[in-house]
Protein backbone atom coordinates (compact mmCIF):
# COMPACT_ATOMS: atom_id res chain seq x y z
CA MET A 1 249.23 -79.94 166.46
CA PHE A 2 250.93 -82.49 168.45
CA THR A 3 249.73 -85.85 169.02
CA GLY A 4 250.78 -86.98 172.64
CA LEU A 5 253.37 -89.10 171.79
CA VAL A 6 256.60 -88.41 173.55
CA GLN A 7 259.64 -88.67 171.28
CA GLN A 8 262.56 -88.02 173.64
CA ILE A 9 263.01 -87.26 177.16
CA SER A 10 265.03 -83.85 177.17
CA LYS A 11 267.03 -82.07 179.23
CA VAL A 12 266.76 -78.40 180.86
CA LYS A 13 270.41 -77.04 180.34
CA GLU A 14 269.66 -73.29 180.79
CA ILE A 15 267.36 -70.50 182.31
CA HIS A 16 267.71 -66.66 182.60
CA PRO A 17 265.06 -64.53 183.35
CA ILE A 18 264.46 -61.94 181.02
CA LYS A 19 261.71 -59.02 180.73
CA GLU A 20 259.39 -61.25 179.11
CA GLY A 21 259.17 -64.08 181.31
CA LYS A 22 262.31 -66.56 181.09
CA PHE A 23 264.14 -67.45 178.24
CA PHE A 24 265.53 -71.78 178.23
CA THR A 25 267.38 -73.42 176.19
CA ILE A 26 267.37 -77.34 176.39
CA GLU A 27 269.15 -80.44 175.25
CA PHE A 28 267.59 -82.14 172.29
CA GLU A 29 269.15 -85.00 170.89
CA GLY A 30 269.40 -83.98 166.88
CA ALA A 31 268.14 -80.90 167.01
CA SER A 32 270.20 -79.61 163.94
CA GLU A 33 268.84 -82.20 162.19
CA LEU A 34 265.36 -81.99 162.80
CA ILE A 35 264.26 -78.67 164.36
CA LYS A 36 264.60 -74.94 162.84
CA ILE A 37 263.56 -71.36 163.80
CA ASP A 38 260.07 -70.84 164.13
CA ASP A 39 259.27 -74.50 164.67
CA SER A 40 256.72 -75.79 167.30
CA VAL A 41 258.38 -78.00 170.18
CA ALA A 42 256.03 -79.30 172.91
CA VAL A 43 258.10 -79.20 175.98
CA ASN A 44 255.84 -81.01 179.07
CA GLY A 45 253.04 -80.77 176.40
CA VAL A 46 253.85 -76.77 176.03
CA CYS A 47 253.92 -75.84 172.85
CA GLN A 48 256.79 -73.65 172.30
CA THR A 49 258.54 -72.03 169.41
CA ALA A 50 262.11 -72.49 168.59
CA ILE A 51 263.87 -69.26 168.36
CA GLU A 52 267.63 -70.65 168.35
CA VAL A 53 268.87 -74.14 167.29
CA LYS A 54 272.52 -75.29 167.70
CA ASN A 55 274.18 -78.60 167.81
CA ASN A 56 272.10 -80.23 169.96
CA LEU A 57 270.34 -77.09 171.73
CA VAL A 58 267.32 -75.11 171.23
CA SER A 59 266.78 -72.32 173.08
CA PHE A 60 262.25 -70.57 172.97
CA GLN A 61 261.24 -68.03 175.39
CA ALA A 62 258.30 -68.54 177.43
CA VAL A 63 256.12 -65.29 178.44
CA HIS A 64 254.52 -64.64 181.77
CA THR A 65 251.26 -66.09 181.15
CA THR A 66 252.92 -69.39 180.24
CA LEU A 67 255.05 -69.20 183.32
CA GLU A 68 251.78 -69.20 185.42
CA LYS A 69 249.67 -71.64 183.76
CA THR A 70 251.89 -74.44 183.38
CA THR A 71 254.61 -76.07 184.73
CA LEU A 72 257.72 -74.28 182.91
CA GLY A 73 257.73 -71.79 185.64
CA THR A 74 258.96 -74.07 188.01
CA LEU A 75 261.60 -75.97 186.19
CA LYS A 76 265.17 -76.08 186.48
CA PRO A 77 268.33 -76.72 185.18
CA ASN A 78 268.77 -80.68 184.55
CA ASP A 79 265.07 -81.19 184.96
CA ALA A 80 264.14 -83.99 182.23
CA ILE A 81 261.64 -82.75 179.99
CA ASN A 82 258.90 -84.56 177.55
CA THR A 83 259.49 -83.40 174.19
CA GLU A 84 257.30 -83.87 170.90
CA LEU A 85 257.87 -82.17 167.50
CA ALA A 86 255.02 -81.15 165.91
CA LEU A 87 252.87 -83.52 163.66
CA ARG A 88 253.30 -83.20 160.04
CA ALA A 89 250.03 -83.74 157.62
CA SER A 90 251.44 -87.52 156.36
CA ASP A 91 251.99 -88.15 159.81
CA ARG A 92 249.98 -91.41 161.73
CA LEU A 93 248.17 -89.76 164.46
CA GLY A 94 248.81 -92.43 166.82
CA GLY A 95 247.79 -90.80 170.02
CA HIS A 96 245.18 -88.11 169.97
CA VAL A 97 244.64 -84.51 168.91
CA VAL A 98 246.71 -82.24 170.80
CA GLN A 99 247.27 -78.38 170.54
CA GLY A 100 250.16 -78.06 173.44
CA HIS A 101 247.91 -75.65 175.04
CA VAL A 102 247.63 -76.16 178.65
CA ASN A 103 243.69 -76.03 180.62
CA GLY A 104 245.31 -76.30 184.12
CA PHE A 105 247.52 -78.16 187.12
CA GLY A 106 246.76 -81.25 188.25
CA LYS A 107 248.13 -83.45 191.25
CA LEU A 108 249.61 -86.85 191.06
CA ALA A 109 247.70 -88.16 194.03
CA ASP A 110 248.71 -91.97 194.01
CA ILE A 111 251.03 -94.47 191.91
CA LYS A 112 250.54 -97.66 192.13
CA ASN A 113 252.90 -100.25 190.55
CA LEU A 114 250.83 -103.52 189.48
CA GLY A 115 253.87 -105.51 188.15
CA GLN A 116 255.22 -103.23 185.57
CA ASN A 117 252.22 -101.73 184.77
CA TYR A 118 251.36 -98.21 186.75
CA MET A 119 247.89 -96.97 187.59
CA VAL A 120 248.06 -93.16 188.65
CA SER A 121 245.61 -91.28 190.15
CA ILE A 122 245.28 -87.34 189.54
CA GLU A 123 243.34 -84.52 191.07
CA TYR A 124 241.65 -81.94 188.41
CA PRO A 125 240.56 -78.45 189.44
CA GLU A 126 236.59 -78.86 189.56
CA GLU A 127 235.78 -76.12 186.61
CA LEU A 128 237.35 -79.20 184.50
CA LYS A 129 235.10 -81.88 185.97
CA ARG A 130 232.80 -81.80 182.49
CA TYR A 131 235.77 -82.44 180.36
CA PHE A 132 236.14 -85.95 181.68
CA VAL A 133 234.98 -88.92 180.64
CA ALA A 134 236.11 -93.10 181.34
CA GLU A 135 237.74 -94.57 177.85
CA GLY A 136 238.03 -91.05 176.93
CA SER A 137 241.21 -88.92 176.18
CA VAL A 138 243.67 -86.82 177.92
CA ALA A 139 247.07 -85.18 178.14
CA ILE A 140 248.93 -84.95 180.81
CA ASP A 141 252.50 -83.16 180.18
CA GLY A 142 252.38 -83.71 176.69
CA ILE A 143 251.76 -87.32 177.22
CA SER A 144 248.43 -88.95 175.09
CA LEU A 145 247.10 -91.11 177.62
CA THR A 146 243.10 -92.96 178.24
CA ILE A 147 241.47 -92.47 181.02
CA ALA A 148 241.05 -95.83 182.99
CA GLU A 149 238.56 -94.36 185.41
CA HIS A 150 236.62 -91.63 186.38
CA LYS A 151 235.66 -90.19 190.03
CA PRO A 152 233.71 -86.88 189.35
CA GLU A 153 232.90 -86.85 192.84
CA LYS A 154 236.66 -86.62 193.84
CA CYS A 155 237.80 -84.57 191.29
CA THR A 156 240.16 -87.39 190.21
CA PHE A 157 240.70 -89.64 187.28
CA VAL A 158 243.14 -92.41 187.25
CA LEU A 159 245.62 -93.57 184.15
CA SER A 160 247.31 -96.97 183.32
CA ILE A 161 250.34 -96.30 182.40
CA ILE A 162 251.79 -99.39 180.55
CA PRO A 163 255.79 -100.36 180.95
CA HIS A 164 256.67 -98.35 177.47
CA THR A 165 255.32 -95.26 178.29
CA TRP A 166 256.49 -95.11 181.69
CA ASP A 167 259.73 -95.67 180.68
CA SER A 168 260.05 -93.24 177.67
CA THR A 169 258.76 -90.42 179.49
CA ILE A 170 258.91 -88.33 182.63
CA PHE A 171 256.17 -89.86 184.61
CA GLN A 172 259.13 -92.50 185.66
CA PHE A 173 260.36 -89.31 188.15
CA LYS A 174 257.17 -88.04 189.32
CA GLN A 175 256.39 -88.60 192.96
CA VAL A 176 252.99 -88.35 194.61
CA GLY A 177 252.28 -84.80 195.43
CA ASP A 178 253.82 -83.56 191.67
CA GLN A 179 252.07 -81.04 189.48
CA VAL A 180 251.44 -82.14 185.68
CA ASN A 181 250.10 -79.91 183.08
CA ILE A 182 246.87 -80.92 182.02
CA GLU A 183 245.45 -80.86 178.18
CA VAL A 184 241.27 -81.76 177.80
CA ASP A 185 240.61 -83.21 174.48
CA ILE A 186 239.78 -79.95 171.98
CA LEU A 187 237.01 -82.27 170.83
CA ALA A 188 235.03 -81.99 174.35
CA LYS A 189 235.34 -78.22 174.56
CA TYR A 190 234.21 -78.04 170.62
CA VAL A 191 231.16 -80.18 171.67
CA GLU A 192 230.33 -77.55 174.73
CA ASN A 193 230.45 -74.54 172.72
CA MET A 194 228.01 -76.32 169.86
CA LEU A 195 225.65 -77.42 172.98
CA ASN A 196 226.01 -73.89 174.24
CA TYR A 197 225.24 -71.81 171.01
CA ALA A 198 222.39 -74.34 170.10
CA ASN A 199 220.85 -73.59 172.99
CA LYS A 200 221.23 -69.67 173.10
CA GLN A 201 219.75 -69.64 169.84
CA LYS A 202 216.93 -72.16 170.27
CA PRO A 203 216.43 -72.34 173.85
CA GLU A 204 213.54 -75.24 172.41
CA SER A 205 216.31 -77.58 171.40
CA LYS A 206 216.62 -81.07 172.17
CA ILE A 207 220.49 -81.34 172.42
CA SER A 208 221.64 -81.78 175.53
CA MET A 209 224.37 -83.57 177.59
CA ASN A 210 222.12 -86.29 178.38
CA TRP A 211 220.78 -86.13 174.91
CA LEU A 212 224.73 -86.83 173.70
CA SER A 213 224.13 -90.00 176.14
CA GLU A 214 221.36 -91.43 174.64
CA GLN A 215 222.68 -91.49 171.66
CA GLY A 216 225.86 -92.79 172.31
CA TYR A 217 228.10 -90.11 172.77
């Protein structure tokens, strides 16, 4: 589990195709001291397992399913990537609960520079629409962010990126049209599942999205 607070911008060193998918080696400063084999590392928001650690180099295997469902399949040597180590039980939850399980691709539709602040519009697949709400949480390439504005009719939401987040993540290298990994808030998925279960078990149940909204959820 992660919090969506990127710890460093790392770099892809090598990529080799293998039968199972691709073998990646990334450069992570302090890897030999911070990462052990079998540790989880979020790479652009995708949970990966370290299988080799040597000096500042960490390697992992991404299977075909991961390559198809995330932007890891488009990475190239020397690409910059967001990296975060797994959350310890004693750590502060500074962002929100991020699993490293990508739910779909997004596309950068617009980037507006407002002084040192950036307003970023992201288009998302229609099937994810129900998981987004203004002031809600979302993880983009592993970055915990708050939705400033939701435009469901356009399948778009807007993020306000503060200077520190912009400079500390690969957002600084992004351009309009680029793909990003989207992970929705897991709490929203649990609520959805509970609603579906309640309505199937008790068709007369008063619990609905409208009811939840009226209760302030």
